[in-house]
Amino acid sequence: MVKPKTAPARRARPEVAAAPRVSTEKGRPSAGGADKNRAPRPAGAAPVRSGSAVAAPKLAGSTAAPKAGAAAAASKTAGTVAATKPHATPAVSGPAANAAIPKLAGIDSLRGRRATINDIARLAAVSKKTVSRVINQSPFVKEETRAKIDAVIRQIGYHPDPQARGLAFRRAFLIGLVYDNPNAQYIVNIQDGALDALRGSGFELVVHPCDRRSEDFIPGVRRFIERQKLHGVILLPPVSEDQALTKALQEIDCAYVRVVSVKLDSPHHMVLSNDREATGEVAKYLESLGHQTIGVIAGPAQYRSAHERLAGFQSVLAQRGITLPPEYIVEGAYTFDSGVVCAEALLARTPRPTAIFACNDEMAAGVYRAAYRLGLKIPEDLSVVGFDDSPLASRLWPSLTTVRLPIRDMGRLAAAKLLPSTSRDDADKAGMSLVVPHLIVRDSSRPPPR
């Protein structure tokens, strides 16, 4: 008699451990776990730029050519989509967090094609709707289920397509950065700050250089916004000072935040820097050193910041009994070359200035060049003060005394105001974001020569 075979006992399904959270900042794991568990990038994915920015193909609507003075910024950012991590896996404490993630059954079927949300649902044995909730960070999912789905997402290297999500939500997960500014370092700092705010939110940053003097300026910005279905835009000076542009944005119901140096809009639409107060601090400092003959290289007249900085400087000097003659004020273009030309003009005056205040660091660096050509030593023969505290300020020799403008913080505040209410405190977004620059004294200033 043949003994009947008994069915083998069903093996218990191995527990799928949740992967630790990994920061999008290159090479720096977050508190949730180590970077070694990071899933490999899918084939064909774009390379990671510094921070969390990912270079992507040029987008339609970002074709406006930057000004010559901003070539450095444009070469880095024109038409770029700077991606933030769209979905972060939450940290899981306990033994499960340290367990190895077993290979999922059926994962081999994904070879050679892009994983979809349906694949995740199948592999995690949950509904497509549940996967969608986890991807969009909905709180209405059990932690055990969320951890299982996160583990699948990490193992297959899935990344949500922002354009596809935009179709589902009828608006893309994109924030625009619109500028026409010759100062390349300013643009880079603003962009880095915006990326700080967007990192981990599921939103990305796309930039649009433009020419505000072009007849196609406003129509071009409008096309850019409509084609990309932007969630909102950050406007940098002097574009941010254009009332016709903001009116056009209101007509198409596009959220916006202006980075400005004077109140031009409702508080929730502004990140405001108090440039007038900061340049008053420069005036007090130079007067306290004993300087009486002072030259100023102002910014372009079309910038509100240029008027604010000059007005603050003149006002405080007048309060201290020092008159600033018109011939000692020259208009620059916020560029190095304009700083050289303007400094040469000021240093040809009689009496020659013992100090020059340049309204940004690029022009202050131009003063260094002009002084060198004339055989003048800084600060022995000429004190120089700038504005911005860009990386250039500490690299010059002698290091530049300047006003520290928290440009990166301004970019971060502007982007944070545009994020959905669930991502940021509504009270903070409703109020005006005010930053106050302050003077940083270094080696380029001292009392005037005797």
Protein backbone atom coordinates (compact mmCIF):
# COMPACT_ATOMS: atom_id res chain seq x y z
CA MET A 1 0.00 0.00 0.00
CA VAL A 2 1.36 3.38 -1.02
CA LYS A 3 1.27 5.99 1.66
CA PRO A 4 -0.41 9.14 0.34
CA LYS A 5 1.71 12.25 0.08
CA THR A 6 0.90 15.05 2.41
CA ALA A 7 1.00 18.65 1.17
CA PRO A 8 4.02 20.53 2.45
CA ALA A 9 3.34 23.10 5.11
CA ARG A 10 2.81 26.57 3.67
CA ARG A 11 5.76 28.73 4.37
CA ALA A 12 5.06 31.91 6.24
CA ARG A 13 5.50 35.05 4.16
CA PRO A 14 8.65 36.82 5.30
CA GLU A 15 8.12 40.14 6.96
CA VAL A 16 8.96 43.05 4.69
CA ALA A 17 11.03 45.52 6.63
CA ALA A 18 10.61 49.23 6.05
CA ALA A 19 13.64 50.96 4.68
CA PRO A 20 15.13 53.82 6.66
CA ARG A 21 14.57 57.40 5.49
CA VAL A 22 17.31 58.74 3.29
CA SER A 23 17.79 62.46 2.82
CA THR A 24 17.87 63.83 -0.71
CA GLU A 25 21.00 65.76 0.15
CA LYS A 26 23.84 64.01 -1.64
CA GLY A 27 25.91 61.77 0.60
CA ARG A 28 24.22 62.86 3.81
CA PRO A 29 21.79 60.36 5.41
CA SER A 30 18.95 61.68 7.53
CA ALA A 31 18.20 60.78 11.12
CA GLY A 32 16.11 57.80 10.05
CA GLY A 33 18.95 55.61 8.76
CA ALA A 34 22.10 55.14 6.74
CA ASP A 35 22.58 56.02 3.11
CA LYS A 36 23.79 52.51 2.30
CA ASN A 37 20.18 51.29 2.04
CA ARG A 38 19.35 53.82 -0.63
CA ALA A 39 17.75 52.20 -3.69
CA PRO A 40 19.78 52.41 -6.90
CA ARG A 41 18.69 55.00 -9.45
CA PRO A 42 16.58 53.53 -12.26
CA ALA A 43 18.29 53.19 -15.62
CA GLY A 44 18.14 56.42 -17.59
CA ALA A 45 17.54 58.64 -14.56
CA ALA A 46 19.07 62.11 -14.63
CA PRO A 47 22.30 62.70 -12.66
CA VAL A 48 22.05 64.35 -9.25
CA ARG A 49 23.27 67.92 -8.97
CA SER A 50 24.56 69.37 -5.71
CA GLY A 51 21.93 69.34 -2.99
CA SER A 52 18.77 67.80 -4.41
CA ALA A 53 18.68 69.39 -7.83
CA VAL A 54 18.43 67.07 -10.79
CA ALA A 55 19.24 68.33 -14.25
CA ALA A 56 16.47 67.56 -16.72
CA PRO A 57 15.86 68.35 -20.37
CA LYS A 58 15.02 71.93 -21.23
CA LEU A 59 11.35 72.70 -20.70
CA ALA A 60 9.09 74.44 -23.13
CA GLY A 61 8.50 77.99 -22.03
CA SER A 62 11.97 78.52 -20.60
CA THR A 63 13.54 79.72 -23.82
CA ALA A 64 14.08 83.38 -23.07
CA ALA A 65 17.76 84.22 -23.31
CA PRO A 66 19.40 85.64 -20.18
CA LYS A 67 21.27 88.92 -20.20
CA ALA A 68 24.97 88.82 -20.89
CA GLY A 69 25.78 89.72 -17.28
CA ALA A 70 23.89 86.68 -16.06
CA ALA A 71 25.53 84.18 -18.40
CA ALA A 72 27.01 82.19 -15.54
CA ALA A 73 23.65 81.76 -13.84
CA ALA A 74 21.87 81.01 -17.09
CA SER A 75 24.34 78.31 -18.08
CA LYS A 76 23.64 76.54 -14.82
CA THR A 77 19.90 77.04 -14.56
CA ALA A 78 18.25 78.01 -17.85
CA GLY A 79 15.42 75.62 -18.57
CA THR A 80 16.45 73.33 -15.72
CA VAL A 81 14.06 71.36 -13.59
CA ALA A 82 15.62 71.11 -10.15
CA ALA A 83 13.95 68.10 -8.57
CA THR A 84 13.26 67.53 -4.92
CA LYS A 85 12.64 64.08 -3.52
CA PRO A 86 9.00 63.38 -4.32
CA HIS A 87 8.46 60.69 -1.72
CA ALA A 88 10.40 60.11 1.47
CA THR A 89 10.15 56.78 3.29
CA PRO A 90 9.37 57.29 6.97
CA ALA A 91 11.77 55.93 9.56
CA VAL A 92 10.68 52.78 11.40
CA SER A 93 12.00 52.01 14.86
CA GLY A 94 12.49 48.57 16.36
CA PRO A 95 13.89 45.33 14.95
CA ALA A 96 12.06 45.74 11.65
CA ALA A 97 14.09 48.85 10.86
CA ASN A 98 17.32 46.85 10.99
CA ALA A 99 16.14 43.79 9.11
CA ALA A 100 17.24 43.15 5.53
CA ILE A 101 14.56 43.63 2.88
CA PRO A 102 13.95 40.28 1.16
CA LYS A 103 13.64 40.17 -2.59
CA LEU A 104 10.01 40.52 -3.58
CA ALA A 105 8.34 37.74 -5.54
CA GLY A 106 7.53 38.95 -9.03
CA ILE A 107 10.03 41.80 -9.08
CA ASP A 108 11.92 40.18 -11.98
CA SER A 109 8.93 40.91 -14.21
CA LEU A 110 9.77 44.64 -14.01
CA ARG A 111 13.13 44.30 -15.72
CA GLY A 112 13.41 46.43 -18.82
CA ARG A 113 10.45 48.69 -18.07
CA ARG A 114 9.47 51.52 -15.76
CA ALA A 115 7.59 50.49 -12.62
CA THR A 116 4.07 51.83 -12.20
CA ILE A 117 1.75 52.39 -9.29
CA ASN A 118 -0.10 49.24 -10.34
CA ASP A 119 3.11 47.22 -9.92
CA ILE A 120 3.55 48.57 -6.40
CA ALA A 121 -0.03 47.67 -5.51
CA ARG A 122 0.45 44.12 -6.85
CA LEU A 123 3.76 43.53 -5.07
CA ALA A 124 2.54 44.98 -1.77
CA ALA A 125 -0.84 43.21 -2.02
CA VAL A 126 -2.79 46.43 -1.49
CA SER A 127 -5.08 48.59 -3.58
CA LYS A 128 -3.88 51.19 -6.05
CA LYS A 129 -5.71 53.84 -4.00
CA THR A 130 -3.72 52.92 -0.88
CA VAL A 131 -0.44 53.22 -2.77
CA SER A 132 -1.52 56.64 -4.05
CA ARG A 133 -2.26 57.76 -0.51
CA VAL A 134 1.20 56.72 0.67
CA ILE A 135 2.92 58.45 -2.25
CA ASN A 136 0.99 61.66 -1.51
CA GLN A 137 1.79 61.35 2.22
CA SER A 138 -1.80 60.99 3.34
CA PRO A 139 -2.21 60.44 7.11
CA PHE A 140 -5.08 58.01 6.51
CA VAL A 141 -2.91 54.90 6.11
CA LYS A 142 -1.91 52.43 8.82
CA GLU A 143 1.77 52.59 9.70
CA GLU A 144 2.22 48.87 9.04
CA THR A 145 0.73 49.23 5.56
CA ARG A 146 2.71 52.39 4.88
CA ALA A 147 5.96 50.66 5.87
CA LYS A 148 5.21 47.71 3.56
CA ILE A 149 4.48 49.99 0.59
CA ASP A 150 7.53 52.14 1.31
CA ALA A 151 9.72 49.03 1.30
CA VAL A 152 8.37 47.99 -2.11
CA ILE A 153 8.88 51.50 -3.49
CA ARG A 154 12.48 51.53 -2.34
CA GLN A 155 13.27 48.05 -3.63
CA ILE A 156 11.96 48.68 -7.15
CA GLY A 157 13.37 52.22 -7.28
CA TYR A 158 10.03 53.86 -8.05
CA HIS A 159 9.86 57.67 -8.42
CA PRO A 160 6.52 59.42 -9.10
CA ASP A 161 6.39 61.34 -12.38
CA PRO A 162 5.59 64.99 -11.50
CA GLN A 163 4.00 65.57 -14.90
CA ALA A 164 1.72 62.56 -14.45
CA ARG A 165 0.81 63.72 -10.97
CA GLY A 166 0.08 67.12 -12.46
CA LEU A 167 -2.41 65.55 -14.87
CA ALA A 168 -4.12 63.77 -12.00
CA PHE A 169 -4.32 66.89 -9.87
CA ARG A 170 -4.85 69.26 -12.85
CA ARG A 171 -1.81 71.26 -11.75
CA ALA A 172 1.83 70.23 -11.82
CA PHE A 173 3.96 69.87 -8.72
CA LEU A 174 6.24 72.62 -10.00
CA ILE A 175 7.32 75.98 -8.57
CA GLY A 176 8.69 78.51 -11.07
CA LEU A 177 11.56 80.94 -10.52
CA VAL A 178 11.34 83.98 -12.83
CA TYR A 179 14.22 86.46 -13.03
CA ASP A 180 16.04 89.07 -15.08
CA ASN A 181 19.07 89.84 -12.97
CA PRO A 182 22.74 90.29 -13.99
CA ASN A 183 24.07 88.98 -10.66
CA ALA A 184 24.72 85.26 -11.21
CA GLN A 185 25.59 84.51 -7.57
CA TYR A 186 22.33 86.08 -6.38
CA ILE A 187 20.32 83.75 -8.63
CA VAL A 188 22.25 80.67 -7.47
CA ASN A 189 21.76 81.55 -3.78
CA ILE A 190 18.02 82.11 -4.24
CA GLN A 191 17.73 78.81 -6.10
CA ASP A 192 19.56 76.92 -3.35
CA GLY A 193 17.27 78.42 -0.71
CA ALA A 194 14.16 77.47 -2.67
CA LEU A 195 15.44 73.91 -2.99
CA ASP A 196 15.96 73.80 0.78
CA ALA A 197 12.26 74.55 1.26
CA LEU A 198 11.01 72.16 -1.43
CA ARG A 199 13.15 69.21 -0.46
CA GLY A 200 10.91 66.35 0.64
CA SER A 201 7.70 68.15 -0.32
CA GLY A 202 7.14 66.45 -3.67
CA PHE A 203 7.52 69.78 -5.49
CA GLU A 204 10.24 70.72 -7.95
CA LEU A 205 11.79 73.99 -9.08
CA VAL A 206 11.93 75.14 -12.71
CA VAL A 207 13.62 78.39 -13.71
CA HIS A 208 12.73 80.94 -16.37
CA PRO A 209 15.25 83.69 -17.24
CA CYS A 210 13.62 86.53 -19.16
CA ASP A 211 14.15 90.06 -20.48
CA ARG A 212 11.74 92.50 -18.86
CA ARG A 213 12.45 95.07 -21.61
CA SER A 214 11.21 92.73 -24.32
CA GLU A 215 7.75 93.17 -25.79
CA ASP A 216 7.21 89.47 -25.13
CA PHE A 217 8.16 89.74 -21.45
CA ILE A 218 4.73 89.30 -19.82
CA PRO A 219 3.24 87.08 -22.57
CA GLY A 220 6.35 84.88 -22.34
CA VAL A 221 6.05 84.47 -18.57
CA ARG A 222 2.34 83.71 -18.95
CA ARG A 223 3.01 81.02 -21.58
CA PHE A 224 5.68 79.48 -19.35
CA ILE A 225 3.25 79.23 -16.43
CA GLU A 226 0.35 77.88 -18.48
CA ARG A 227 2.39 75.28 -20.38
CA GLN A 228 3.95 73.91 -17.22
CA LYS A 229 0.71 74.27 -15.18
CA LEU A 230 2.79 75.74 -12.38
CA HIS A 231 1.56 75.62 -8.81
CA GLY A 232 3.10 79.06 -8.25
CA VAL A 233 6.07 81.32 -9.06
CA ILE A 234 8.81 83.19 -7.23
CA LEU A 235 9.59 86.59 -8.73
CA LEU A 236 13.03 88.14 -8.22
CA PRO A 237 13.90 91.84 -8.53
CA PRO A 238 13.48 93.76 -10.74
CA VAL A 239 10.85 91.43 -12.25
CA SER A 240 9.16 91.29 -8.84
CA GLU A 241 8.61 95.06 -8.98
CA ASP A 242 6.52 94.92 -12.17
CA GLN A 243 2.87 95.56 -11.26
CA ALA A 244 1.64 94.64 -14.76
CA LEU A 245 3.19 91.18 -14.39
CA THR A 246 1.53 90.46 -11.05
CA LYS A 247 -1.80 91.63 -12.48
CA ALA A 248 -1.38 89.12 -15.32
CA LEU A 249 -0.64 86.37 -12.78
CA GLN A 250 -3.80 87.20 -10.87
CA GLU A 251 -5.81 86.96 -14.09
CA ILE A 252 -4.68 83.37 -14.66
CA ASP A 253 -5.04 82.50 -10.96
CA CYS A 254 -1.35 81.74 -10.45
CA ALA A 255 0.03 82.01 -6.92
CA TYR A 256 3.16 84.15 -6.62
CA VAL A 257 5.65 85.52 -4.09
CA ARG A 258 7.73 88.63 -4.72
CA VAL A 259 11.22 89.14 -3.33
CA VAL A 260 11.36 92.90 -2.84
CA SER A 261 13.01 95.71 -0.87
CA VAL A 262 9.87 97.85 -0.46
CA LYS A 263 6.22 97.01 0.29
CA LEU A 264 4.42 96.48 -3.02
CA ASP A 265 1.75 93.90 -2.27
CA SER A 266 -0.23 91.99 0.35
CA PRO A 267 1.94 90.47 3.11
CA HIS A 268 1.44 86.87 1.96
CA HIS A 269 2.80 87.80 -1.48
CA MET A 270 6.10 89.23 -0.23
CA VAL A 271 9.51 88.43 1.17
CA LEU A 272 10.83 91.86 2.14
CA SER A 273 14.43 92.89 2.87
CA ASN A 274 15.03 96.11 4.80
CA ASP A 275 17.84 97.46 2.60
CA ARG A 276 17.30 101.07 3.70
CA GLU A 277 18.07 100.29 7.33
CA ALA A 278 21.12 98.22 6.39
CA THR A 279 22.77 100.96 4.32
CA GLY A 280 22.10 103.40 7.13
CA GLU A 281 24.26 101.12 9.25
CA VAL A 282 27.05 101.42 6.65
CA ALA A 283 26.82 105.21 6.77
CA LYS A 284 27.10 105.24 10.58
CA TYR A 285 30.10 102.95 10.44
CA LEU A 286 32.06 104.99 7.87
CA GLU A 287 31.30 108.25 9.67
CA SER A 288 32.44 106.71 12.97
CA LEU A 289 35.78 105.87 11.35
CA GLY A 290 36.20 109.53 10.45
CA HIS A 291 35.46 109.45 6.70
CA GLN A 292 34.04 112.72 5.34
CA THR A 293 34.66 112.39 1.60
CA ILE A 294 32.72 109.31 0.53
CA GLY A 295 31.80 108.00 -2.91
CA VAL A 296 28.83 105.77 -3.72
CA ILE A 297 28.34 103.33 -6.59
CA ALA A 298 24.57 102.93 -6.73
CA GLY A 299 22.60 100.18 -8.45
CA PRO A 300 20.60 100.54 -11.68
CA ALA A 301 17.82 103.15 -11.45
CA GLN A 302 15.17 100.61 -12.52
CA TYR A 303 15.77 98.58 -9.34
CA ARG A 304 13.81 99.61 -6.25
CA SER A 305 16.64 98.18 -4.18
CA ALA A 306 19.02 100.74 -5.72
CA HIS A 307 16.81 103.62 -4.56
CA GLU A 308 16.31 102.11 -1.10
CA ARG A 309 20.01 101.52 -0.53
CA LEU A 310 21.04 104.98 -1.68
CA ALA A 311 18.27 106.72 0.26
CA GLY A 312 19.15 104.94 3.50
CA PHE A 313 22.83 105.80 3.12
CA GLN A 314 22.23 109.47 2.28
CA SER A 315 19.68 109.94 5.06
CA VAL A 316 21.96 108.77 7.85
CA LEU A 317 24.96 110.75 6.52
CA ALA A 318 22.77 113.89 6.49
CA GLN A 319 21.73 113.23 10.09
CA ARG A 320 25.41 113.22 10.99
CA GLY A 321 26.17 116.44 9.13
CA ILE A 322 27.79 114.94 6.03
CA THR A 323 26.56 115.99 2.61
CA LEU A 324 26.91 113.60 -0.31
CA PRO A 325 27.44 115.75 -3.46
CA PRO A 326 25.81 114.45 -6.68
CA GLU A 327 29.19 114.11 -8.40
CA TYR A 328 30.19 111.55 -5.76
CA ILE A 329 27.26 109.28 -6.69
CA VAL A 330 27.58 107.21 -9.85
CA GLU A 331 25.19 104.61 -11.20
CA GLY A 332 26.47 101.09 -11.76
CA ALA A 333 24.81 97.98 -13.17
CA TYR A 334 25.36 95.53 -10.30
CA THR A 335 28.24 94.02 -12.32
CA PHE A 336 32.01 93.80 -11.87
CA ASP A 337 32.81 95.77 -15.03
CA SER A 338 30.49 98.61 -14.05
CA GLY A 339 32.19 98.69 -10.66
CA VAL A 340 35.59 99.23 -12.31
CA VAL A 341 34.32 102.06 -14.53
CA CYS A 342 32.43 103.81 -11.72
CA ALA A 343 35.34 103.52 -9.28
CA GLU A 344 37.73 105.03 -11.81
CA ALA A 345 35.35 107.96 -12.23
CA LEU A 346 35.04 108.51 -8.46
CA LEU A 347 38.77 108.22 -7.83
CA ALA A 348 39.38 110.93 -10.44
CA ARG A 349 37.40 113.44 -8.34
CA THR A 350 39.11 116.16 -6.32
CA PRO A 351 39.28 115.70 -3.43
CA ARG A 352 39.55 111.97 -3.90
CA PRO A 353 37.17 109.86 -1.77
CA THR A 354 38.71 108.13 1.22
CA ALA A 355 35.92 105.52 1.17
CA ILE A 356 33.64 104.03 -1.47
CA PHE A 357 30.38 102.25 -0.72
CA ALA A 358 29.37 99.93 -3.59
CA CYS A 359 25.75 98.76 -3.48
CA ASN A 360 26.66 95.14 -4.19
CA ASP A 361 29.75 92.96 -3.84
CA GLU A 362 30.31 92.53 -7.59
CA MET A 363 30.76 96.29 -7.99
CA ALA A 364 32.90 96.42 -4.83
CA ALA A 365 35.25 93.89 -6.46
CA GLY A 366 35.47 96.28 -9.41
CA VAL A 367 36.63 98.99 -6.99
CA TYR A 368 39.51 96.72 -6.00
CA ARG A 369 40.56 96.45 -9.65
CA ALA A 370 40.41 100.23 -10.18
CA ALA A 371 42.39 100.92 -6.99
CA TYR A 372 45.07 98.43 -8.04
CA ARG A 373 45.44 100.12 -11.43
CA LEU A 374 45.89 103.49 -9.73
CA GLY A 375 48.43 102.17 -7.21
CA LEU A 376 46.11 102.67 -4.24
CA LYS A 377 46.20 100.27 -1.31
CA ILE A 378 43.05 98.96 0.39
CA PRO A 379 42.39 99.90 3.17
CA GLU A 380 45.48 102.10 3.74
CA ASP A 381 44.55 104.58 1.00
CA LEU A 382 40.92 103.66 0.35
CA SER A 383 38.23 101.92 2.40
CA VAL A 384 35.69 99.81 0.48
CA VAL A 385 32.31 98.49 1.64
CA GLY A 386 29.98 96.23 -0.36
CA PHE A 387 26.50 94.78 -0.04
CA ASP A 388 25.23 91.13 -0.15
CA ASP A 389 28.07 89.21 1.59
CA SER A 390 28.37 86.86 -1.36
CA PRO A 391 31.14 84.18 -1.31
CA LEU A 392 33.25 86.68 -3.25
CA ALA A 393 33.42 89.00 -0.22
CA SER A 394 35.53 86.62 1.88
CA ARG A 395 37.67 85.55 -1.10
CA LEU A 396 38.90 89.04 -1.96
CA TRP A 397 42.12 90.24 -0.39
CA PRO A 398 41.84 92.06 1.86
CA SER A 399 38.47 90.51 2.77
CA LEU A 400 35.55 92.81 2.06
CA THR A 401 33.55 94.67 4.69
CA THR A 402 29.98 94.27 3.49
CA VAL A 403 26.30 94.03 4.39
CA ARG A 404 25.12 90.46 4.83
CA LEU A 405 21.87 89.95 2.92
CA PRO A 406 20.48 86.47 3.73
CA ILE A 407 19.73 85.67 0.08
CA ARG A 408 19.45 81.92 0.56
CA ASP A 409 16.99 82.42 3.43
CA MET A 410 14.92 84.70 1.19
CA GLY A 411 14.67 81.95 -1.42
CA ARG A 412 13.66 79.46 1.23
CA LEU A 413 10.99 81.75 2.68
CA ALA A 414 9.57 82.52 -0.77
CA ALA A 415 9.26 78.85 -1.74
CA ALA A 416 7.76 77.92 1.63
CA LYS A 417 4.97 80.46 1.12
CA LEU A 418 3.92 78.67 -2.06
CA LEU A 419 3.68 75.18 -0.59
CA PRO A 420 0.20 73.80 0.17
CA SER A 421 -1.32 74.59 3.55
CA THR A 422 -0.77 71.05 4.78
CA SER A 423 2.98 71.48 4.35
CA ARG A 424 3.56 74.72 6.25
CA ASP A 425 2.05 76.72 9.07
CA ASP A 426 -0.75 78.90 7.68
CA ALA A 427 0.04 81.70 10.12
CA ASP A 428 3.61 81.97 8.85
CA LYS A 429 2.47 82.00 5.24
CA ALA A 430 -0.19 84.67 5.77
CA GLY A 431 2.21 87.18 7.29
CA MET A 432 4.94 89.12 5.53
CA SER A 433 8.40 87.55 5.70
CA LEU A 434 10.89 90.26 6.69
CA VAL A 435 14.66 89.86 6.62
CA VAL A 436 17.02 92.47 8.07
CA PRO A 437 20.53 92.66 6.55
CA HIS A 438 23.40 93.70 8.82
CA LEU A 439 26.98 94.92 8.49
CA ILE A 440 29.91 92.48 8.57
CA VAL A 441 33.18 94.28 9.27
CA ARG A 442 36.27 92.72 7.71
CA ASP A 443 39.65 94.01 6.49
CA SER A 444 38.79 96.45 3.69
CA SER A 445 37.90 99.40 5.93
CA ARG A 446 39.76 101.58 8.43
CA PRO A 447 40.02 105.28 9.38
CA PRO A 448 41.10 107.59 6.52
CA PRO A 449 44.79 108.32 5.98
CA ARG A 450 46.16 111.37 7.78
